[in-house]
């Protein structure tokens, strides 16, 4: 079921048929397939609100058996909830002095040992059995070695002895509970403990081709559930980093700045690998339940799926030298001339077979997508139709159908024009060109995509290719004329002093190239509203300070950081880094519809024991769920008055816990009477306009640019106004 009444059903079939098949077939993974079946996902509804916190709930985590849920809040307390009884089991007054951002059960401890990390830069470990006698127990372990907010904790399945913490100070620390339960006391001669596993104070990259030299403020980390030696981190740049703990040096202190260690793999969508906007960063990274895939959620962008086993598909791996070829370099005209002399019979020999029944169905779907394009209506439905065929039924179609679907989807992306759609159109055009090099459509849509990205001279190259292949086409002729006029206009502006640079900065509706200026927008929202019937932010007061500063092209340390001048890498080692060819892994799938600009703890999670579905919170107070393979949006739930941050799927039941700016935790189970896309509460009827919800979120994404307000204040040295210290803004995490 979709907004446009799609002529296909969700995967998995009918759940009743699946249950009946157990009598005949020996289905070994039946419980895995039933865990988050598509029919159950579509019937999710709010079952219970768990009350017990008095502040925003910033962290959720299940224990291994799913019997307990742990939460951390701005009220500085840890709550443990009994899942079977749906009620509060115990509460711990942690002693933290700032917002709790992360909580975890320590594995193999009978669910008695828990840990928390907070904005006061501390990691605390508690024994829940002590809460029966005292509500404020003494910590079992207390680590004060971080100098920045602790945003994420990670544990290794089956290991009760080691805990990892990721902090905005640029370090990932490894705490071995067998070696000690606290850091050296304050004021001691050697206060710094040697728990640093990753020192990334010089680890951030503004682009793939630039050596790492800036502070990477870590926002998230995760341990692979199947390969515990693999650890994934993400932070204040566009790159997810996969490390092998077996290849890292032993833990060290933080007294001396060292060169960032080499990671096994960088992960980043290719169209984000060269973007220099300071607002683009990762808020969450997570492994799939099988450890074969990972999710990356971006602030100011979308959620992306990556393949850990990228070696099976070499096209997913790229270097900085590959970026131009994969985005804007056209083939030589001589190649087209060579192809044009080939006989049509040899070129189309592979598609002269009699079409199969499955191909006929695909042709019907192509007609539905083309209808959406030609009528400029329900573009999302048209894109979903193309994704259904290209991502799930790719083996059923021939080269002709593959080419047509790719071209139609590219055209739909360009008409919709959401954040990143132009880059997605380029990907499709590139694939379409591989199936038919002489199709003028691929060059026409490539030219249009590059225009939207501001690459007019590159766009002209492709437009001229399209004109060569279809010289009488009026659309192509008009396209060439428009591009030439824009190039001439741009050259005229440069001759007049380059004033166009500043005018282009204000265009929030186009995906511009970064100029020689970094723009930082400071938005302070004093009140937020979940009322979607009014304007985007009806009761929000938004004083805005826009600063346009020349980009500093010189190498420099992180201003204001206490370790700025301590032990910088030698010039020889820096040269070695500069000469090293860096590779990254491109995206496998993209998930759009939500908005992630307001908080930097927003999660994206796999649902199901096989990770068949993807979920993310949103700044509009909703929870979005997509099908993993196709990226198709299948469920929207109203989960908060303002913002949903945390999503955690139960280990075995089809149940999802969510939290956000509200003081409550929502528990969602599949007990709705009717399957629906929109739903979840009585105040969210099925008649709600899904497309308008998505459109509003995209407008917020397109409008957001520049450095987050609190990060900007911190860089100015105004740490007293940072998150967790300024009471009115404690729930607006960035």
Foldseek 3Di string as FASTA:
>chain_A
DDPVPDPDDDPPPDVVVLVVCVVPDVDPCSLQCPFAPLQFVLQKFFDDWAFDFDFFWQEWDAAPQLQWIWTFGQSQKIWIAGPVVRYTDAMANEPDQFGWHYKDQQAPPVSQKMWTFFQQQKIFIDGNVCCVPPRHDDTPAIENQGPGGWHYKEYAHPDRFWIWTAFQLQFIFIHGVVVDRYAPDPPDPCRWDQGTQWRCCQPDDLAQLDFRGHRFGWQEKYAQNVQRQWIWTWGQAQKIFIARSVPTDDTGTPQFHDGTDDGPFIAGALVRRNARFRQWTWLYKYAALNNQKMWTQIALFFIFIFGPVCVVPCVQKDFPVCSCVLAFDDDDPVVLVVVVPDDPCVLCVQPPDDQDPVQVVLVVLLVVLVVCLVVVHPLVSSLLSLLCCVLPVVVRYDLVSLLSSLLSNLSSLLSVQFVCSLVSNSNSLVVSCVSPVLDLSSLQSSLSSVVLQVNLVSSLVSLVSSCVSPVVDPSSVVSNVVSVVVVVVQVVCVVVPVPVLVVVVPDLRGNYGDDQKHKAKAWDWLDAFLPPVDPLGVPTDTDIDIDIDGDDPDRARQPPNPNRPGHDDDPVVVVVSSPDTHMHGHTDDTAAQAHRHFASNWYKHFEGSRSQKIWTKHQSQKIWIAGPRSNHTQAIERHGRGIKGDWDARPRHRWIWTTARDSIITIMTSPRPDRARYHHDPVIDRPDDSVVSSVSNSSVSSPDGHHYNQVVCVSVVNPCPHARNDVSCVRRHD
